[in-house]
Amino acid sequence: MLQSHQVEELLCLACGLDRDTLIMQFKRFQHLSRFPVDFTDDFLTRQPVERLQHIFVALCLQNQKMPDLTTQASFS
């Protein structure tokens, strides 16, 4: 389970992510998630960035993973 300071850090990180970075992270979730993540490219490009950020936070919380965005690597 993520600690409260990690959740706060996750929220701050997500607010700074642009569409391209979010889409790249969603594609990584397809292989790392505990449940299927199968967003279409059309869906991802049509959603507002704020909604993508919200979905990203939800995926991280559900999977109990903090993203490693320093090197654009997958999750630690």
N, C-alpha and C. Protein backbone atom coordinates (compact mmCIF):
# COMPACT_ATOMS: atom_id res chain seq x y z
N MET A 1 0.84 -1.17 0.00
CA MET A 1 0.00 0.00 0.00
C MET A 1 0.89 1.24 0.00
N LEU A 2 0.49 2.22 -0.79
CA LEU A 2 1.26 3.45 -0.83
C LEU A 2 1.06 4.24 0.46
N GLN A 3 2.13 4.84 0.93
CA GLN A 3 2.07 5.68 2.11
C GLN A 3 1.45 7.03 1.74
N SER A 4 0.98 7.77 2.74
CA SER A 4 0.29 9.04 2.46
C SER A 4 1.21 10.03 1.74
N HIS A 5 2.49 10.05 2.08
CA HIS A 5 3.40 10.97 1.38
C HIS A 5 3.61 10.55 -0.07
N GLN A 6 3.52 9.23 -0.34
CA GLN A 6 3.65 8.76 -1.72
C GLN A 6 2.42 9.15 -2.54
N VAL A 7 1.25 9.10 -1.93
CA VAL A 7 0.03 9.49 -2.63
C VAL A 7 0.09 10.98 -2.98
N GLU A 8 0.56 11.77 -2.04
CA GLU A 8 0.69 13.21 -2.31
C GLU A 8 1.70 13.45 -3.43
N GLU A 9 2.81 12.73 -3.40
CA GLU A 9 3.82 12.86 -4.46
C GLU A 9 3.24 12.42 -5.81
N LEU A 10 2.47 11.34 -5.81
CA LEU A 10 1.84 10.85 -7.03
C LEU A 10 0.92 11.90 -7.62
N LEU A 11 0.12 12.54 -6.78
CA LEU A 11 -0.80 13.58 -7.26
C LEU A 11 -0.03 14.75 -7.87
N CYS A 12 1.05 15.14 -7.23
CA CYS A 12 1.87 16.24 -7.77
C CYS A 12 2.51 15.85 -9.09
N LEU A 13 3.01 14.62 -9.17
CA LEU A 13 3.62 14.14 -10.42
C LEU A 13 2.60 14.12 -11.55
N ALA A 14 1.43 13.58 -11.27
CA ALA A 14 0.40 13.43 -12.30
C ALA A 14 -0.03 14.79 -12.85
N CYS A 15 -0.09 15.79 -12.00
CA CYS A 15 -0.50 17.13 -12.45
C CYS A 15 0.49 17.73 -13.45
N GLY A 16 1.72 17.27 -13.42
CA GLY A 16 2.73 17.82 -14.32
C GLY A 16 2.94 17.01 -15.59
N LEU A 17 2.19 15.94 -15.77
CA LEU A 17 2.38 15.09 -16.95
C LEU A 17 1.59 15.62 -18.14
N ASP A 18 2.22 15.58 -19.31
CA ASP A 18 1.53 15.98 -20.53
C ASP A 18 0.90 14.75 -21.18
N ARG A 19 0.12 14.99 -22.21
CA ARG A 19 -0.60 13.91 -22.89
C ARG A 19 0.32 12.80 -23.38
N ASP A 20 1.43 13.15 -24.03
CA ASP A 20 2.33 12.14 -24.59
C ASP A 20 2.91 11.24 -23.50
N THR A 21 3.30 11.83 -22.39
CA THR A 21 3.86 11.05 -21.29
C THR A 21 2.80 10.15 -20.67
N LEU A 22 1.60 10.69 -20.51
CA LEU A 22 0.51 9.87 -19.97
C LEU A 22 0.20 8.69 -20.87
N ILE A 23 0.13 8.93 -22.17
CA ILE A 23 -0.17 7.85 -23.11
C ILE A 23 0.92 6.78 -23.04
N MET A 24 2.18 7.20 -22.95
CA MET A 24 3.28 6.25 -22.84
C MET A 24 3.13 5.42 -21.56
N GLN A 25 2.76 6.05 -20.47
CA GLN A 25 2.57 5.33 -19.21
C GLN A 25 1.40 4.36 -19.30
N PHE A 26 0.31 4.75 -19.95
CA PHE A 26 -0.83 3.84 -20.10
C PHE A 26 -0.42 2.61 -20.90
N LYS A 27 0.38 2.80 -21.92
CA LYS A 27 0.82 1.65 -22.73
C LYS A 27 1.69 0.71 -21.89
N ARG A 28 2.46 1.25 -20.97
CA ARG A 28 3.26 0.40 -20.07
C ARG A 28 2.37 -0.36 -19.10
N PHE A 29 1.28 0.27 -18.70
CA PHE A 29 0.36 -0.40 -17.78
C PHE A 29 -0.25 -1.65 -18.40
N GLN A 30 -0.33 -1.70 -19.70
CA GLN A 30 -0.90 -2.88 -20.36
C GLN A 30 -0.14 -4.13 -19.98
N HIS A 31 1.14 -4.00 -19.65
CA HIS A 31 1.96 -5.16 -19.32
C HIS A 31 2.20 -5.30 -17.82
N LEU A 32 1.93 -4.27 -17.05
CA LEU A 32 2.29 -4.27 -15.63
C LEU A 32 1.10 -4.28 -14.68
N SER A 33 -0.06 -4.02 -15.20
CA SER A 33 -1.23 -3.89 -14.34
C SER A 33 -1.75 -5.24 -13.87
N ARG A 34 -2.39 -5.23 -12.72
CA ARG A 34 -3.01 -6.44 -12.18
C ARG A 34 -4.33 -6.75 -12.89
N PHE A 35 -4.80 -5.85 -13.70
CA PHE A 35 -6.04 -6.04 -14.44
C PHE A 35 -5.86 -5.46 -15.84
N PRO A 36 -6.70 -5.85 -16.79
CA PRO A 36 -6.52 -5.37 -18.17
C PRO A 36 -6.66 -3.86 -18.30
N VAL A 37 -5.73 -3.27 -19.01
CA VAL A 37 -5.77 -1.85 -19.35
C VAL A 37 -5.68 -1.79 -20.87
N ASP A 38 -6.79 -1.51 -21.50
CA ASP A 38 -6.82 -1.60 -22.96
C ASP A 38 -7.48 -0.38 -23.60
N PHE A 39 -6.97 0.79 -23.26
CA PHE A 39 -7.48 2.01 -23.86
C PHE A 39 -7.06 2.08 -25.32
N THR A 40 -7.98 2.49 -26.17
CA THR A 40 -7.63 2.66 -27.58
C THR A 40 -6.89 3.99 -27.77
N ASP A 41 -6.13 4.07 -28.83
CA ASP A 41 -5.44 5.32 -29.14
C ASP A 41 -6.45 6.45 -29.35
N ASP A 42 -7.57 6.13 -29.97
CA ASP A 42 -8.61 7.14 -30.20
C ASP A 42 -9.13 7.69 -28.87
N PHE A 43 -9.40 6.80 -27.92
CA PHE A 43 -9.87 7.24 -26.60
C PHE A 43 -8.85 8.15 -25.94
N LEU A 44 -7.58 7.73 -25.95
CA LEU A 44 -6.53 8.49 -25.28
C LEU A 44 -6.32 9.87 -25.91
N THR A 45 -6.44 9.97 -27.21
CA THR A 45 -6.21 11.26 -27.85
C THR A 45 -7.42 12.20 -27.73
N ARG A 46 -8.60 11.65 -27.46
CA ARG A 46 -9.79 12.49 -27.38
C ARG A 46 -10.11 12.96 -25.96
N GLN A 47 -9.49 12.38 -24.97
CA GLN A 47 -9.78 12.77 -23.59
C GLN A 47 -9.00 14.02 -23.19
N PRO A 48 -9.59 14.85 -22.36
CA PRO A 48 -8.85 16.00 -21.84
C PRO A 48 -7.68 15.50 -20.98
N VAL A 49 -6.61 16.26 -20.96
CA VAL A 49 -5.42 15.87 -20.19
C VAL A 49 -5.79 15.65 -18.72
N GLU A 50 -6.66 16.48 -18.19
CA GLU A 50 -7.05 16.34 -16.78
C GLU A 50 -7.69 14.98 -16.51
N ARG A 51 -8.48 14.49 -17.43
CA ARG A 51 -9.10 13.18 -17.26
C ARG A 51 -8.05 12.08 -17.33
N LEU A 52 -7.10 12.21 -18.26
CA LEU A 52 -6.02 11.23 -18.35
C LEU A 52 -5.19 11.22 -17.07
N GLN A 53 -4.95 12.38 -16.51
CA GLN A 53 -4.20 12.45 -15.25
C GLN A 53 -4.97 11.74 -14.14
N HIS A 54 -6.26 11.93 -14.10
CA HIS A 54 -7.10 11.28 -13.09
C HIS A 54 -7.06 9.76 -13.25
N ILE A 55 -7.19 9.29 -14.47
CA ILE A 55 -7.14 7.85 -14.73
C ILE A 55 -5.77 7.29 -14.35
N PHE A 56 -4.72 8.03 -14.66
CA PHE A 56 -3.36 7.60 -14.33
C PHE A 56 -3.20 7.43 -12.82
N VAL A 57 -3.66 8.41 -12.06
CA VAL A 57 -3.57 8.31 -10.59
C VAL A 57 -4.36 7.09 -10.11
N ALA A 58 -5.55 6.89 -10.65
CA ALA A 58 -6.36 5.74 -10.25
C ALA A 58 -5.65 4.42 -10.54
N LEU A 59 -5.03 4.32 -11.71
CA LEU A 59 -4.29 3.10 -12.04
C LEU A 59 -3.12 2.87 -11.09
N CYS A 60 -2.40 3.92 -10.79
CA CYS A 60 -1.27 3.81 -9.86
C CYS A 60 -1.75 3.37 -8.48
N LEU A 61 -2.82 3.98 -8.01
CA LEU A 61 -3.34 3.62 -6.69
C LEU A 61 -3.86 2.19 -6.67
N GLN A 62 -4.57 1.81 -7.70
CA GLN A 62 -5.13 0.45 -7.76
C GLN A 62 -4.03 -0.60 -7.80
N ASN A 63 -2.95 -0.30 -8.51
CA ASN A 63 -1.84 -1.24 -8.64
C ASN A 63 -0.79 -1.07 -7.54
N GLN A 64 -0.98 -0.05 -6.70
CA GLN A 64 -0.05 0.23 -5.60
C GLN A 64 1.38 0.41 -6.10
N LYS A 65 1.52 1.19 -7.18
CA LYS A 65 2.83 1.43 -7.79
C LYS A 65 3.06 2.91 -7.96
N MET A 66 4.28 3.32 -7.66
CA MET A 66 4.71 4.69 -7.92
C MET A 66 5.44 4.71 -9.26
N PRO A 67 5.09 5.63 -10.15
CA PRO A 67 5.80 5.68 -11.43
C PRO A 67 7.21 6.22 -11.25
N ASP A 68 8.13 5.72 -12.06
CA ASP A 68 9.49 6.24 -12.08
C ASP A 68 9.61 7.07 -13.36
N LEU A 69 9.39 8.35 -13.22
CA LEU A 69 9.38 9.23 -14.39
C LEU A 69 10.72 9.92 -14.61
N THR A 70 11.70 9.66 -13.76
CA THR A 70 12.98 10.33 -13.91
C THR A 70 13.69 9.89 -15.18
N THR A 71 13.51 8.62 -15.56
CA THR A 71 14.16 8.12 -16.77
C THR A 71 13.13 7.62 -17.78
N GLN A 72 11.85 7.97 -17.53
CA GLN A 72 10.76 7.47 -18.35
C GLN A 72 10.74 5.93 -18.34
N ALA A 73 11.20 5.35 -17.25
CA ALA A 73 11.18 3.90 -17.11
C ALA A 73 9.82 3.48 -16.61
N SER A 74 9.63 2.20 -16.51
CA SER A 74 8.36 1.73 -16.01
C SER A 74 8.31 1.87 -14.50
N PHE A 75 7.56 1.06 -13.83
CA PHE A 75 7.27 1.29 -12.43
C PHE A 75 8.23 0.56 -11.52
N SER A 76 8.50 1.20 -10.36
CA SER A 76 9.37 0.61 -9.36
C SER A 76 8.57 -0.17 -8.36
